[in-house]
PDB file of N, CA and C in Angstrom:
ATOM      1  N   UNK A   1       7.633  18.835  56.390  1.00  0.00           N
ATOM      2  CA  UNK A   1       6.388  19.406  56.570  1.00  0.00           C
ATOM      3  C   UNK A   1       5.277  18.425  56.559  1.00  0.00           C
ATOM      4  N   UNK A   2       4.264  18.635  57.447  1.00  0.00           N
ATOM      5  CA  UNK A   2       3.018  17.639  57.128  1.00  0.00           C
ATOM      6  C   UNK A   2       2.132  18.658  56.224  1.00  0.00           C
ATOM      7  N   UNK A   3       1.004  17.923  55.898  1.00  0.00           N
ATOM      8  CA  UNK A   3       0.102  18.586  54.999  1.00  0.00           C
ATOM      9  C   UNK A   3      -0.691  19.619  55.784  1.00  0.00           C
ATOM     10  N   UNK A   4      -0.883  19.329  56.880  1.00  0.00           N
ATOM     11  CA  UNK A   4      -1.451  20.387  57.814  1.00  0.00           C
ATOM     12  C   UNK A   4      -0.784  21.520  57.714  1.00  0.00           C
ATOM     13  N   UNK A   5       0.781  21.376  58.070  1.00  0.00           N
ATOM     14  CA  UNK A   5       1.661  22.706  58.208  1.00  0.00           C
ATOM     15  C   UNK A   5       1.408  23.329  56.868  1.00  0.00           C
ATOM     16  N   UNK A   6       1.742  22.579  55.844  1.00  0.00           N
ATOM     17  CA  UNK A   6       1.724  23.427  54.465  1.00  0.00           C
ATOM     18  C   UNK A   6       0.057  24.148  54.100  1.00  0.00           C
ATOM     19  N   UNK A   7      -0.972  23.524  54.489  1.00  0.00           N
ATOM     20  CA  UNK A   7      -2.153  23.876  54.561  1.00  0.00           C
ATOM     21  C   UNK A   7      -2.380  25.401  55.291  1.00  0.00           C
ATOM     22  N   UNK A   8      -1.780  25.689  56.173  1.00  0.00           N
ATOM     23  CA  UNK A   8      -1.740  26.656  57.208  1.00  0.00           C
ATOM     24  C   UNK A   8      -0.773  27.560  56.315  1.00  0.00           C
ATOM     25  N   UNK A   9       0.497  27.363  55.987  1.00  0.00           N
ATOM     26  CA  UNK A   9       1.398  27.945  55.314  1.00  0.00           C
ATOM     27  C   UNK A   9       1.017  28.908  54.143  1.00  0.00           C
ATOM     28  N   UNK A  10      -0.014  27.733  53.346  1.00  0.00           N
ATOM     29  CA  UNK A  10      -0.491  28.284  52.133  1.00  0.00           C
ATOM     30  C   UNK A  10      -1.846  29.292  52.298  1.00  0.00           C
ATOM     31  N   UNK A  11      -2.146  29.602  53.504  1.00  0.00           N
ATOM     32  CA  UNK A  11      -3.144  30.518  53.856  1.00  0.00           C
ATOM     33  C   UNK A  11      -4.749  29.640  54.301  1.00  0.00           C
ATOM     34  N   UNK A  12      -4.805  28.565  54.228  1.00  0.00           N
ATOM     35  CA  UNK A  12      -5.877  27.651  54.434  1.00  0.00           C
ATOM     36  C   UNK A  12      -6.427  27.620  56.063  1.00  0.00           C
ATOM     37  N   UNK A  13      -7.475  28.017  56.155  1.00  0.00           N
ATOM     38  CA  UNK A  13      -7.951  27.681  57.712  1.00  0.00           C
ATOM     39  C   UNK A  13      -8.229  26.387  58.148  1.00  0.00           C
ATOM     40  N   UNK A  14      -8.251  25.319  57.082  1.00  0.00           N
ATOM     41  CA  UNK A  14      -8.554  23.970  57.171  1.00  0.00           C
ATOM     42  C   UNK A  14      -7.747  22.926  56.152  1.00  0.00           C
ATOM     43  N   UNK A  15      -7.067  22.052  56.984  1.00  0.00           N
ATOM     44  CA  UNK A  15      -6.321  21.130  56.336  1.00  0.00           C
ATOM     45  C   UNK A  15      -7.161  20.270  55.428  1.00  0.00           C
ATOM     46  N   UNK A  16      -8.567  19.955  55.845  1.00  0.00           N
ATOM     47  CA  UNK A  16      -9.393  19.115  55.380  1.00  0.00           C
ATOM     48  C   UNK A  16     -10.016  20.043  53.802  1.00  0.00           C
ATOM     49  N   UNK A  17     -10.064  21.239  53.786  1.00  0.00           N
ATOM     50  CA  UNK A  17     -10.542  21.895  52.813  1.00  0.00           C
ATOM     51  C   UNK A  17      -9.163  22.095  51.718  1.00  0.00           C
ATOM     52  N   UNK A  18      -8.099  22.293  52.213  1.00  0.00           N
ATOM     53  CA  UNK A  18      -6.897  22.421  51.667  1.00  0.00           C
ATOM     54  C   UNK A  18      -6.716  20.999  50.471  1.00  0.00           C
ATOM     55  N   UNK A  19      -6.960  20.176  51.478  1.00  0.00           N
ATOM     56  CA  UNK A  19      -6.896  18.784  50.466  1.00  0.00           C
ATOM     57  C   UNK A  19      -7.965  18.412  49.747  1.00  0.00           C
ATOM     58  N   UNK A  20      -9.232  19.161  49.705  1.00  0.00           N
ATOM     59  CA  UNK A  20     -10.177  18.750  48.769  1.00  0.00           C
ATOM     60  C   UNK A  20      -9.899  20.053  47.543  1.00  0.00           C
ATOM     61  N   UNK A  21      -9.153  21.138  47.889  1.00  0.00           N
ATOM     62  CA  UNK A  21      -8.833  21.649  46.820  1.00  0.00           C
ATOM     63  C   UNK A  21      -7.816  21.514  46.121  1.00  0.00           C
ATOM     64  N   UNK A  22      -6.886  20.784  46.790  1.00  0.00           N
ATOM     65  CA  UNK A  22      -5.494  20.282  46.109  1.00  0.00           C
ATOM     66  C   UNK A  22      -6.159  19.091  45.218  1.00  0.00           C
ATOM     67  N   UNK A  23      -6.904  18.344  45.615  1.00  0.00           N
ATOM     68  CA  UNK A  23      -7.200  17.022  44.970  1.00  0.00           C
ATOM     69  C   UNK A  23      -8.190  17.764  43.630  1.00  0.00           C
ATOM     70  N   UNK A  24      -9.038  18.578  43.767  1.00  0.00           N
ATOM     71  CA  UNK A  24      -9.643  19.108  42.654  1.00  0.00           C
ATOM     72  C   UNK A  24      -8.563  19.705  41.474  1.00  0.00           C
ATOM     73  N   UNK A  25      -7.359  20.400  41.828  1.00  0.00           N
ATOM     74  CA  UNK A  25      -6.754  21.028  41.132  1.00  0.00           C
ATOM     75  C   UNK A  25      -5.762  19.774  40.638  1.00  0.00           C
ATOM     76  N   UNK A  26      -5.280  19.106  41.156  1.00  0.00           N
ATOM     77  CA  UNK A  26      -4.280  18.015  40.735  1.00  0.00           C
ATOM     78  C   UNK A  26      -4.316  16.615  40.585  1.00  0.00           C
ATOM     79  N   UNK A  27      -5.820  16.275  40.638  1.00  0.00           N
ATOM     80  CA  UNK A  27      -6.261  15.116  40.587  1.00  0.00           C
ATOM     81  C   UNK A  27      -5.964  13.890  41.813  1.00  0.00           C
ATOM     82  N   UNK A  28      -5.193  14.082  42.545  1.00  0.00           N
ATOM     83  CA  UNK A  28      -4.850  13.452  43.490  1.00  0.00           C
ATOM     84  C   UNK A  28      -4.566  14.405  45.125  1.00  0.00           C
ATOM     85  N   UNK A  29      -4.819  13.633  45.916  1.00  0.00           N
ATOM     86  CA  UNK A  29      -4.747  13.801  47.364  1.00  0.00           C
ATOM     87  C   UNK A  29      -3.157  14.370  47.611  1.00  0.00           C
ATOM     88  N   UNK A  30      -2.979  15.225  48.588  1.00  0.00           N
ATOM     89  CA  UNK A  30      -1.473  15.955  48.878  1.00  0.00           C
ATOM     90  C   UNK A  30      -0.842  14.692  49.296  1.00  0.00           C
ATOM     91  N   UNK A  31      -1.027  13.671  50.154  1.00  0.00           N
ATOM     92  CA  UNK A  31      -0.335  12.590  50.657  1.00  0.00           C
ATOM     93  C   UNK A  31      -0.191  11.737  49.154  1.00  0.00           C
ATOM     94  N   UNK A  32      -0.905  11.727  48.537  1.00  0.00           N
ATOM     95  CA  UNK A  32      -0.830  10.730  47.465  1.00  0.00           C
ATOM     96  C   UNK A  32       0.479  11.236  46.221  1.00  0.00           C
ATOM     97  N   UNK A  33       0.167  12.881  45.940  1.00  0.00           N
ATOM     98  CA  UNK A  33       1.330  13.271  45.354  1.00  0.00           C
ATOM     99  C   UNK A  33       2.709  13.120  45.912  1.00  0.00           C
ATOM    100  N   UNK A  34       2.728  13.578  47.346  1.00  0.00           N
ATOM    101  CA  UNK A  34       3.964  13.418  48.119  1.00  0.00           C
ATOM    102  C   UNK A  34       4.575  12.082  47.853  1.00  0.00           C
ATOM    103  N   UNK A  35       3.719  11.237  48.228  1.00  0.00           N
ATOM    104  CA  UNK A  35       4.157   9.911  47.710  1.00  0.00           C
ATOM    105  C   UNK A  35       4.758   9.325  46.524  1.00  0.00           C
ATOM    106  N   UNK A  36       3.934   9.871  45.332  1.00  0.00           N
ATOM    107  CA  UNK A  36       4.511   9.634  44.027  1.00  0.00           C
ATOM    108  C   UNK A  36       5.640  10.440  43.703  1.00  0.00           C
ATOM    109  N   UNK A  37       5.901  11.558  44.508  1.00  0.00           N
ATOM    110  CA  UNK A  37       6.795  12.511  44.073  1.00  0.00           C
ATOM    111  C   UNK A  37       8.340  11.729  44.491  1.00  0.00           C
ATOM    112  N   UNK A  38       8.115  11.301  45.888  1.00  0.00           N
ATOM    113  CA  UNK A  38       9.436  10.563  46.357  1.00  0.00           C
ATOM    114  C   UNK A  38       9.892   9.674  45.580  1.00  0.00           C
ATOM    115  N   UNK A  39       8.793   8.874  45.159  1.00  0.00           N
ATOM    116  CA  UNK A  39       9.085   7.762  44.252  1.00  0.00           C
ATOM    117  C   UNK A  39       9.957   8.048  43.205  1.00  0.00           C
ATOM    118  N   UNK A  40       9.606   9.114  42.505  1.00  0.00           N
ATOM    119  CA  UNK A  40      10.060   9.817  41.057  1.00  0.00           C
ATOM    120  C   UNK A  40      11.546  10.141  41.552  1.00  0.00           C
ATOM    121  N   UNK A  41      11.731  11.012  42.561  1.00  0.00           N
ATOM    122  CA  UNK A  41      12.986  11.422  43.001  1.00  0.00           C
ATOM    123  C   UNK A  41      13.776  10.618  43.525  1.00  0.00           C
ATOM    124  N   UNK A  42      13.419   9.580  44.098  1.00  0.00           N
ATOM    125  CA  UNK A  42      14.386   8.135  44.127  1.00  0.00           C
ATOM    126  C   UNK A  42      14.882   7.497  43.112  1.00  0.00           C
ATOM    127  N   UNK A  43      13.840   7.320  42.187  1.00  0.00           N
ATOM    128  CA  UNK A  43      14.111   6.660  40.670  1.00  0.00           C
ATOM    129  C   UNK A  43      15.338   7.299  40.164  1.00  0.00           C
ATOM    130  N   UNK A  44      15.246   8.873  39.896  1.00  0.00           N
ATOM    131  CA  UNK A  44      16.026   9.778  39.229  1.00  0.00           C
ATOM    132  C   UNK A  44      17.407   9.643  39.948  1.00  0.00           C
ATOM    133  N   UNK A  45      17.448   9.666  41.609  1.00  0.00           N
ATOM    134  CA  UNK A  45      18.605   9.698  42.271  1.00  0.00           C
ATOM    135  C   UNK A  45      19.229   8.040  41.770  1.00  0.00           C
ATOM    136  N   UNK A  46      18.492   6.977  41.726  1.00  0.00           N
ATOM    137  CA  UNK A  46      19.518   5.874  41.381  1.00  0.00           C
ATOM    138  C   UNK A  46      20.001   5.750  39.956  1.00  0.00           C
ATOM    139  N   UNK A  47      19.158   6.413  38.953  1.00  0.00           N
ATOM    140  CA  UNK A  47      19.500   6.598  37.748  1.00  0.00           C
ATOM    141  C   UNK A  47      20.770   7.263  37.766  1.00  0.00           C
ATOM    142  N   UNK A  48      20.731   8.807  38.143  1.00  0.00           N
ATOM    143  CA  UNK A  48      21.982   9.593  38.425  1.00  0.00           C
ATOM    144  C   UNK A  48      23.202   8.871  39.022  1.00  0.00           C
ATOM    145  N   UNK A  49      23.038   8.046  40.117  1.00  0.00           N
ATOM    146  CA  UNK A  49      24.285   7.137  40.677  1.00  0.00           C
ATOM    147  C   UNK A  49      24.801   6.116  39.646  1.00  0.00           C
ATOM    148  N   UNK A  50      23.790   5.452  39.174  1.00  0.00           N
ATOM    149  CA  UNK A  50      24.310   4.375  38.039  1.00  0.00           C
ATOM    150  C   UNK A  50      25.063   5.125  36.730  1.00  0.00           C
ATOM    151  N   UNK A  51      24.571   6.225  36.321  1.00  0.00           N
ATOM    152  CA  UNK A  51      25.502   7.085  35.081  1.00  0.00           C
ATOM    153  C   UNK A  51      26.759   7.697  35.537  1.00  0.00           C
ATOM    154  N   UNK A  52      27.010   7.798  36.849  1.00  0.00           N
ATOM    155  CA  UNK A  52      27.875   8.417  37.442  1.00  0.00           C
ATOM    156  C   UNK A  52      28.953   7.429  37.441  1.00  0.00           C
ATOM    157  N   UNK A  53      28.996   5.869  37.803  1.00  0.00           N
ATOM    158  CA  UNK A  53      29.731   4.858  38.037  1.00  0.00           C
ATOM    159  C   UNK A  53      30.288   4.710  37.174  1.00  0.00           C
TER     160      UNK A  53
END
């Protein structure tokens, strides 16, 4: 899903307002949150694979 799709699904009429609200709440933009979360998920997946081997 895109940030715009998430904004509309959460009831926001404006993706820009959603991004401002998100940043005020979480101290980072939605796109930054997604990128950081993907990196953490990838790291955890790699660690899990190493542990299983």
